[in-house]
C-alpha atoms as a PDB file:
ATOM      1  CA  MET A   1      94.268  66.040  60.910  1.00  0.00           C
ATOM      2  CA  ARG A   2      92.669  63.627  58.467  1.00  0.00           C
ATOM      3  CA  ALA A   3      89.760  64.409  56.021  1.00  0.00           C
ATOM      4  CA  LEU A   4      87.165  62.179  54.573  1.00  0.00           C
ATOM      5  CA  ALA A   5      84.048  62.901  52.801  1.00  0.00           C
ATOM      6  CA  GLY A   6      81.957  65.563  54.534  1.00  0.00           C
ATOM      7  CA  GLU A   7      84.652  65.738  57.698  1.00  0.00           C
ATOM      8  CA  VAL A   8      87.535  66.301  59.289  1.00  0.00           C
ATOM      9  CA  ARG A   9      88.914  64.811  61.943  1.00  0.00           C
ATOM     10  CA  ALA A  10      91.779  66.682  64.212  1.00  0.00           C
ATOM     11  CA  ASP A  11      93.692  65.029  67.671  1.00  0.00           C
ATOM     12  CA  LEU A  12      96.052  66.995  69.934  1.00  0.00           C
ATOM     13  CA  PHE A  13      97.830  65.068  72.189  1.00  0.00           C
ATOM     14  CA  ASP A  14     100.784  66.896  74.573  1.00  0.00           C
ATOM     15  CA  ASP A  15     101.780  66.996  78.434  1.00  0.00           C
ATOM     16  CA  TYR A  16      98.462  67.733  79.525  1.00  0.00           C
ATOM     17  CA  HIS A  17      95.784  67.200  76.572  1.00  0.00           C
ATOM     18  CA  ASP A  18      94.632  64.444  74.726  1.00  0.00           C
ATOM     19  CA  MET A  19      91.283  65.389  73.157  1.00  0.00           C
ATOM     20  CA  ALA A  20      90.049  65.727  69.259  1.00  0.00           C
ATOM     21  CA  CYS A  21      87.752  67.525  67.409  1.00  0.00           C
ATOM     22  CA  THR A  22      85.489  66.324  64.146  1.00  0.00           C
ATOM     23  CA  VAL A  23      84.549  69.110  62.032  1.00  0.00           C
ATOM     24  CA  HIS A  24      81.297  67.740  59.849  1.00  0.00           C
ATOM     25  CA  HIS A  25      80.583  69.750  57.071  1.00  0.00           C
ATOM     26  CA  ASP A  26      78.628  69.727  53.372  1.00  0.00           C
ATOM     27  CA  GLY A  27      81.467  71.537  51.518  1.00  0.00           C
ATOM     28  CA  THR A  28      79.962  75.272  52.128  1.00  0.00           C
ATOM     29  CA  ALA A  29      79.500  75.353  56.214  1.00  0.00           C
ATOM     30  CA  VAL A  30      79.688  73.167  59.023  1.00  0.00           C
ATOM     31  CA  THR A  31      76.893  71.380  60.135  1.00  0.00           C
ATOM     32  CA  ALA A  32      77.835  69.901  63.180  1.00  0.00           C
ATOM     33  CA  ILE A  33      81.255  69.096  65.695  1.00  0.00           C
ATOM     34  CA  GLN A  34      82.157  66.317  67.740  1.00  0.00           C
ATOM     35  CA  ALA A  35      84.547  67.094  70.609  1.00  0.00           C
ATOM     36  CA  GLU A  36      86.371  64.362  72.938  1.00  0.00           C
ATOM     37  CA  ILE A  37      88.266  65.496  75.949  1.00  0.00           C
ATOM     38  CA  ARG A  38      90.183  62.400  76.944  1.00  0.00           C
ATOM     39  CA  ARG A  39      92.762  63.834  79.258  1.00  0.00           C
ATOM     40  CA  ALA A  40      92.661  67.748  80.719  1.00  0.00           C
ATOM     41  CA  PRO A  41      93.522  69.232  83.773  1.00  0.00           C
ATOM     42  CA  PHE A  42      90.071  70.447  85.228  1.00  0.00           C
ATOM     43  CA  SER A  43      87.021  68.352  85.762  1.00  0.00           C
ATOM     44  CA  THR A  44      84.797  70.723  84.078  1.00  0.00           C
ATOM     45  CA  CYS A  45      86.719  70.690  81.005  1.00  0.00           C
ATOM     46  CA  PRO A  46      84.692  67.663  79.511  1.00  0.00           C
ATOM     47  CA  GLY A  47      81.452  70.213  79.699  1.00  0.00           C
ATOM     48  CA  ALA A  48      83.558  72.505  76.668  1.00  0.00           C
ATOM     49  CA  ASN A  49      82.212  69.176  74.191  1.00  0.00           C
ATOM     50  CA  THR A  50      79.124  70.758  73.883  1.00  0.00           C
ATOM     51  CA  ALA A  51      80.070  74.440  73.901  1.00  0.00           C
ATOM     52  CA  ALA A  52      81.744  73.761  70.545  1.00  0.00           C
ATOM     53  CA  ASN A  53      78.584  73.615  68.907  1.00  0.00           C
ATOM     54  CA  GLU A  54      78.327  77.264  68.596  1.00  0.00           C
ATOM     55  CA  LEU A  55      80.591  76.569  65.250  1.00  0.00           C
ATOM     56  CA  VAL A  56      77.597  74.944  63.634  1.00  0.00           C
ATOM     57  CA  GLY A  57      76.772  77.069  60.663  1.00  0.00           C
ATOM     58  CA  ILE A  58      80.343  79.010  60.205  1.00  0.00           C
ATOM     59  CA  PRO A  59      81.388  78.839  56.596  1.00  0.00           C
ATOM     60  CA  LEU A  60      84.107  76.697  55.984  1.00  0.00           C
ATOM     61  CA  GLN A  61      85.655  80.389  54.147  1.00  0.00           C
ATOM     62  CA  VAL A  62      86.075  81.985  57.206  1.00  0.00           C
ATOM     63  CA  SER A  63      88.455  84.351  57.958  1.00  0.00           C
ATOM     64  CA  ARG A  64      90.850  83.511  60.836  1.00  0.00           C
ATOM     65  CA  ARG A  65      89.925  87.155  62.591  1.00  0.00           C
ATOM     66  CA  HIS A  66      85.857  86.471  62.530  1.00  0.00           C
ATOM     67  CA  LEU A  67      86.305  82.897  63.705  1.00  0.00           C
ATOM     68  CA  TYR A  68      88.527  84.086  66.536  1.00  0.00           C
ATOM     69  CA  GLY A  69      86.430  87.099  67.477  1.00  0.00           C
ATOM     70  CA  GLU A  70      83.318  88.086  69.272  1.00  0.00           C
ATOM     71  CA  GLY A  71      85.007  86.019  72.361  1.00  0.00           C
ATOM     72  CA  ARG A  72      84.528  82.475  71.099  1.00  0.00           C
ATOM     73  CA  PRO A  73      87.809  80.729  71.750  1.00  0.00           C
ATOM     74  CA  GLN A  74      87.230  82.177  75.641  1.00  0.00           C
ATOM     75  CA  ARG A  75      83.426  80.630  75.902  1.00  0.00           C
ATOM     76  CA  ASN A  76      84.909  76.855  74.525  1.00  0.00           C
ATOM     77  CA  CYS A  77      88.156  74.933  75.759  1.00  0.00           C
ATOM     78  CA  THR A  78      90.529  76.917  73.725  1.00  0.00           C
ATOM     79  CA  HIS A  79      92.463  73.612  72.917  1.00  0.00           C
ATOM     80  CA  ILE A  80      89.061  72.161  71.113  1.00  0.00           C
ATOM     81  CA  PHE A  81      88.577  75.517  69.419  1.00  0.00           C
ATOM     82  CA  ASP A  82      91.946  75.418  67.635  1.00  0.00           C
ATOM     83  CA  LEU A  83      91.689  72.143  66.892  1.00  0.00           C
ATOM     84  CA  ALA A  84      88.180  73.146  65.330  1.00  0.00           C
ATOM     85  CA  ALA A  85      89.865  76.072  63.500  1.00  0.00           C
ATOM     86  CA  PHE A  86      92.428  73.863  62.274  1.00  0.00           C
ATOM     87  CA  ALA A  87      89.657  71.330  60.731  1.00  0.00           C
ATOM     88  CA  ILE A  88      87.683  74.057  59.169  1.00  0.00           C
ATOM     89  CA  SER A  89      90.708  75.496  57.124  1.00  0.00           C
ATOM     90  CA  HIS A  90      91.838  71.871  56.477  1.00  0.00           C
ATOM     91  CA  ALA A  91      87.991  71.063  54.768  1.00  0.00           C
ATOM     92  CA  ALA A  92      88.361  74.450  52.834  1.00  0.00           C
ATOM     93  CA  ASN A  93      91.880  73.826  51.506  1.00  0.00           C
ATOM     94  CA  ALA A  94      93.567  70.918  51.698  1.00  0.00           C
ATOM     95  CA  GLY A  95      91.919  67.570  52.803  1.00  0.00           C
ATOM     96  CA  GLY A  96      93.663  64.314  53.104  1.00  0.00           C
ATOM     97  CA  GLU A  97      96.260  64.026  56.325  1.00  0.00           C
ATOM     98  CA  ARG A  98      98.189  66.038  57.467  1.00  0.00           C
ATOM     99  CA  VAL A  99     100.379  65.968  60.949  1.00  0.00           C
ATOM    100  CA  LEU A 100     101.274  69.091  62.727  1.00  0.00           C
ATOM    101  CA  ASP A 101     104.374  69.128  65.676  1.00  0.00           C
ATOM    102  CA  PHE A 102     105.068  71.558  67.861  1.00  0.00           C
ATOM    103  CA  ILE A 103     108.537  71.012  69.554  1.00  0.00           C
ATOM    104  CA  VAL A 104     109.327  73.041  73.097  1.00  0.00           C
ATOM    105  CA  PRO A 105     111.802  72.185  74.917  1.00  0.00           C
ATOM    106  CA  ASP A 106     112.858  73.910  78.388  1.00  0.00           C
ATOM    107  CA  LEU A 107     113.247  76.994  77.523  1.00  0.00           C
ATOM    108  CA  VAL A 108     117.003  78.178  79.313  1.00  0.00           C
ATOM    109  CA  GLU A 109     118.642  81.718  79.679  1.00  0.00           C
ATOM    110  CA  SER A 110     121.152  80.993  76.774  1.00  0.00           C
ATOM    111  CA  GLY A 111     117.781  79.970  74.650  1.00  0.00           C
ATOM    112  CA  ALA A 112     116.564  76.786  73.198  1.00  0.00           C
ATOM    113  CA  TRP A 113     115.385  75.832  69.233  1.00  0.00           C
ATOM    114  CA  VAL A 114     111.671  75.798  69.232  1.00  0.00           C
ATOM    115  CA  GLU A 115     110.131  74.368  66.369  1.00  0.00           C
ATOM    116  CA  ALA A 116     106.654  74.179  63.978  1.00  0.00           C
ATOM    117  CA  CYS A 117     106.506  71.315  61.801  1.00  0.00           C
ATOM    118  CA  LEU A 118     104.377  70.674  59.095  1.00  0.00           C
ATOM    119  CA  ASP A 119     104.342  66.858  57.488  1.00  0.00           C
ATOM    120  CA  GLY A 120     107.517  66.340  58.942  1.00  0.00           C
ATOM    121  CA  LYS A 121     109.095  69.521  57.954  1.00  0.00           C
ATOM    122  CA  ALA A 122     110.023  72.562  59.692  1.00  0.00           C
ATOM    123  CA  VAL A 123     108.054  76.006  58.898  1.00  0.00           C
ATOM    124  CA  HIS A 124     109.514  77.636  61.984  1.00  0.00           C
ATOM    125  CA  ARG A 125     112.520  77.384  63.817  1.00  0.00           C
ATOM    126  CA  TRP A 126     113.748  79.777  66.294  1.00  0.00           C
ATOM    127  CA  LYS A 127     115.932  79.883  69.624  1.00  0.00           C
ATOM    128  CA  VAL A 128     113.971  81.447  72.287  1.00  0.00           C
ATOM    129  CA  GLY A 129     115.089  82.481  75.791  1.00  0.00           C
ATOM    130  CA  TYR A 130     113.857  82.211  78.805  1.00  0.00           C
ATOM    131  CA  SER A 131     111.868  85.334  79.042  1.00  0.00           C
ATOM    132  CA  GLU A 132     109.835  83.967  75.790  1.00  0.00           C
ATOM    133  CA  THR A 133     111.803  86.398  73.435  1.00  0.00           C
ATOM    134  CA  ILE A 134     113.208  84.906  70.265  1.00  0.00           C
ATOM    135  CA  ILE A 135     116.975  84.840  70.114  1.00  0.00           C
ATOM    136  CA  ALA A 136     117.393  83.595  66.512  1.00  0.00           C
ATOM    137  CA  PRO A 137     117.413  83.728  63.737  1.00  0.00           C
ATOM    138  CA  ALA A 138     118.638  86.984  63.359  1.00  0.00           C
ATOM    139  CA  GLU A 139     116.131  88.893  61.481  1.00  0.00           C
ATOM    140  CA  TYR A 140     113.289  87.729  64.732  1.00  0.00           C
ATOM    141  CA  ALA A 141     115.771  88.811  67.092  1.00  0.00           C
ATOM    142  CA  GLY A 142     114.243  90.886  70.024  1.00  0.00           C
ATOM    143  CA  ARG A 143     110.534  89.842  69.085  1.00  0.00           C
ATOM    144  CA  ALA A 144     108.773  88.657  72.188  1.00  0.00           C
ATOM    145  CA  MET A 145     106.525  85.662  71.967  1.00  0.00           C
ATOM    146  CA  PHE A 146     103.698  87.498  74.165  1.00  0.00           C
ATOM    147  CA  GLY A 147     102.461  91.296  73.880  1.00  0.00           C
ATOM    148  CA  GLY A 148     101.781  91.940  69.913  1.00  0.00           C
ATOM    149  CA  PHE A 149     102.712  88.831  68.515  1.00  0.00           C
ATOM    150  CA  VAL A 150      99.453  88.157  66.342  1.00  0.00           C
ATOM    151  CA  ARG A 151      99.648  91.190  64.646  1.00  0.00           C
ATOM    152  CA  TRP A 152     103.269  90.609  63.903  1.00  0.00           C
ATOM    153  CA  ALA A 153     102.747  87.206  62.727  1.00  0.00           C
ATOM    154  CA  GLU A 154     100.426  87.878  60.090  1.00  0.00           C
ATOM    155  CA  GLY A 155     102.349  90.804  58.969  1.00  0.00           C
ATOM    156  CA  GLN A 156     105.546  88.631  58.769  1.00  0.00           C
ATOM    157  CA  PHE A 157     104.446  85.301  57.632  1.00  0.00           C
ATOM    158  CA  GLU A 158     101.539  84.149  54.779  1.00  0.00           C
ATOM    159  CA  GLY A 159      99.316  81.179  54.658  1.00  0.00           C
ATOM    160  CA  VAL A 160      99.958  78.326  56.954  1.00  0.00           C
ATOM    161  CA  ALA A 161     102.732  79.612  58.231  1.00  0.00           C
ATOM    162  CA  VAL A 162     100.895  82.319  59.733  1.00  0.00           C
ATOM    163  CA  GLU A 163      99.136  79.681  61.934  1.00  0.00           C
ATOM    164  CA  LEU A 164     101.741  78.044  62.918  1.00  0.00           C
ATOM    165  CA  ALA A 165     103.705  80.612  64.249  1.00  0.00           C
ATOM    166  CA  LEU A 166     100.598  81.597  66.328  1.00  0.00           C
ATOM    167  CA  HIS A 167      99.753  78.281  67.651  1.00  0.00           C
ATOM    168  CA  LEU A 168     103.563  77.537  68.327  1.00  0.00           C
ATOM    169  CA  GLN A 169     103.176  81.027  70.448  1.00  0.00           C
ATOM    170  CA  LYS A 170     100.271  79.193  72.190  1.00  0.00           C
ATOM    171  CA  VAL A 171     102.585  76.092  72.624  1.00  0.00           C
ATOM    172  CA  VAL A 172     105.257  77.946  74.411  1.00  0.00           C
ATOM    173  CA  LEU A 173     102.439  79.186  76.794  1.00  0.00           C
ATOM    174  CA  VAL A 174     101.123  75.684  77.391  1.00  0.00           C
ATOM    175  CA  ALA A 175     104.751  74.666  78.053  1.00  0.00           C
ATOM    176  CA  ARG A 176     105.347  77.447  81.027  1.00  0.00           C
ATOM    177  CA  GLY A 177     103.606  74.530  83.065  1.00  0.00           C
ATOM    178  CA  ARG A 178     106.744  72.584  83.098  1.00  0.00           C
ATOM    179  CA  ARG A 179     107.988  75.051  85.434  1.00  0.00           C
ATOM    180  CA  TYR A 180     105.870  74.567  87.612  1.00  0.00           C
ATOM    181  CA  LEU A 181     104.580  70.958  90.169  1.00  0.00           C
ATOM    182  CA  ILE A 182     101.858  70.944  87.922  1.00  0.00           C
ATOM    183  CA  GLY A 183      99.626  67.545  88.828  1.00  0.00           C
ATOM    184  CA  GLN A 184     100.409  68.499  92.588  1.00  0.00           C
ATOM    185  CA  GLU A 185      97.643  70.967  93.121  1.00  0.00           C
ATOM    186  CA  ASN A 186      94.869  71.136  95.854  1.00  0.00           C
ATOM    187  CA  GLU A 187      91.389  70.932  95.096  1.00  0.00           C
ATOM    188  CA  ASN A 188      90.937  74.526  95.154  1.00  0.00           C
ATOM    189  CA  SER A 189      93.852  75.288  93.274  1.00  0.00           C
ATOM    190  CA  ILE A 190      92.386  76.894  90.493  1.00  0.00           C
ATOM    191  CA  ARG A 191      90.556  79.461  92.381  1.00  0.00           C
ATOM    192  CA  ASP A 192      93.927  80.769  93.450  1.00  0.00           C
ATOM    193  CA  GLU A 193      93.878  82.235  89.927  1.00  0.00           C
ATOM    194  CA  PRO A 194      91.179  84.818  89.627  1.00  0.00           C
ATOM    195  CA  GLU A 195      93.033  87.056  87.169  1.00  0.00           C
ATOM    196  CA  ARG A 196      92.285  84.320  84.568  1.00  0.00           C
ATOM    197  CA  ILE A 197      88.389  84.313  84.899  1.00  0.00           C
ATOM    198  CA  GLY A 198      87.192  84.298  81.146  1.00  0.00           C
ATOM    199  CA  ALA A 199      90.218  82.611  80.116  1.00  0.00           C
ATOM    200  CA  CYS A 200      88.291  79.686  78.862  1.00  0.00           C
ATOM    201  CA  TYR A 201      85.540  77.271  79.551  1.00  0.00           C
ATOM    202  CA  SER A 202      87.147  75.852  82.711  1.00  0.00           C
ATOM    203  CA  PHE A 203      87.865  79.457  83.664  1.00  0.00           C
ATOM    204  CA  SER A 204      84.553  80.806  83.271  1.00  0.00           C
ATOM    205  CA  GLU A 205      81.468  80.490  85.542  1.00  0.00           C
ATOM    206  CA  PRO A 206      79.657  78.635  86.927  1.00  0.00           C
ATOM    207  CA  GLN A 207      82.479  76.329  86.206  1.00  0.00           C
ATOM    208  CA  PHE A 208      85.133  78.159  87.839  1.00  0.00           C
ATOM    209  CA  SER A 209      83.542  77.893  91.195  1.00  0.00           C
ATOM    210  CA  ILE A 210      83.226  74.138  91.296  1.00  0.00           C
ATOM    211  CA  ALA A 211      86.297  73.053  89.055  1.00  0.00           C
ATOM    212  CA  ARG A 212      88.859  70.684  90.487  1.00  0.00           C
ATOM    213  CA  PRO A 213      92.187  69.618  89.118  1.00  0.00           C
ATOM    214  CA  ASN A 214      92.116  66.276  87.708  1.00  0.00           C
ATOM    215  CA  PRO A 215      94.566  63.280  88.759  1.00  0.00           C
ATOM    216  CA  ASP A 216      96.942  62.082  86.985  1.00  0.00           C
ATOM    217  CA  TYR A 217      96.607  63.964  83.757  1.00  0.00           C
ATOM    218  CA  VAL A 218     100.376  65.200  83.243  1.00  0.00           C
ATOM    219  CA  ARG A 219     102.657  63.336  81.150  1.00  0.00           C
ATOM    220  CA  ASP A 220     106.340  63.096  81.028  1.00  0.00           C
ATOM    221  CA  PHE A 221     107.816  62.787  77.212  1.00  0.00           C
ATOM    222  CA  THR A 222     111.390  63.479  78.264  1.00  0.00           C
ATOM    223  CA  ASP A 223     112.135  60.076  76.447  1.00  0.00           C
ATOM    224  CA  GLY A 224     109.924  60.903  73.187  1.00  0.00           C
ATOM    225  CA  LEU A 225     106.226  60.511  72.601  1.00  0.00           C
ATOM    226  CA  PRO A 226     104.218  57.345  71.802  1.00  0.00           C
ATOM    227  CA  THR A 227     104.064  56.159  68.355  1.00  0.00           C
ATOM    228  CA  ARG A 228     101.539  58.089  66.199  1.00  0.00           C
ATOM    229  CA  LYS A 229      99.473  54.763  65.110  1.00  0.00           C
ATOM    230  CA  ALA A 230      99.140  54.170  69.376  1.00  0.00           C
ATOM    231  CA  LEU A 231      97.544  57.990  69.559  1.00  0.00           C
ATOM    232  CA  ILE A 232      95.166  57.874  66.621  1.00  0.00           C
END
């Protein structure tokens, strides 16, 4: 994330997404939103660029509970919404530039270490098993990453550590895609998952009925990410 006078830009880059969100503000509230979706799973995802405009007028000091309430994330691309939420918080509390890295290897039965880092320093480092339950450190052992996790994280951590924990959970969810042949779906594959209707912009009508998988949207970063300069 990079803050300039009156705006904050946040970028996301991972196996399945390459997108950005710029939040313009007057020091008190959001005045405009610009979203850019460069790589995403479905043909309908770019339409979420305009959906994010519902955040115009939101105060910079908004609580997370209010911002994420009233079904806002589900009406939007949830990833663009998360970028906007980070940018709003950054505009209110920090400024300058911050780098957030979330590292989730393939989960195996014996566990793999997942990390959430802020400006190169690990804030969270947990060993998580294939069942997506924390194994270590000992004080968190047995805590499932899904089902009551939000309430647990809000009670366990404070400040930015809460946000990083909640977004690490989301990255674990996204990383599930590596268990499947993502990128080789048929054109109607989205409609094989009706149970996900309402989960996000593309999984909501009318998008759900017309969405098609985008070709060549998956990236393999086994050998490492491109340089940060190349990403931005």
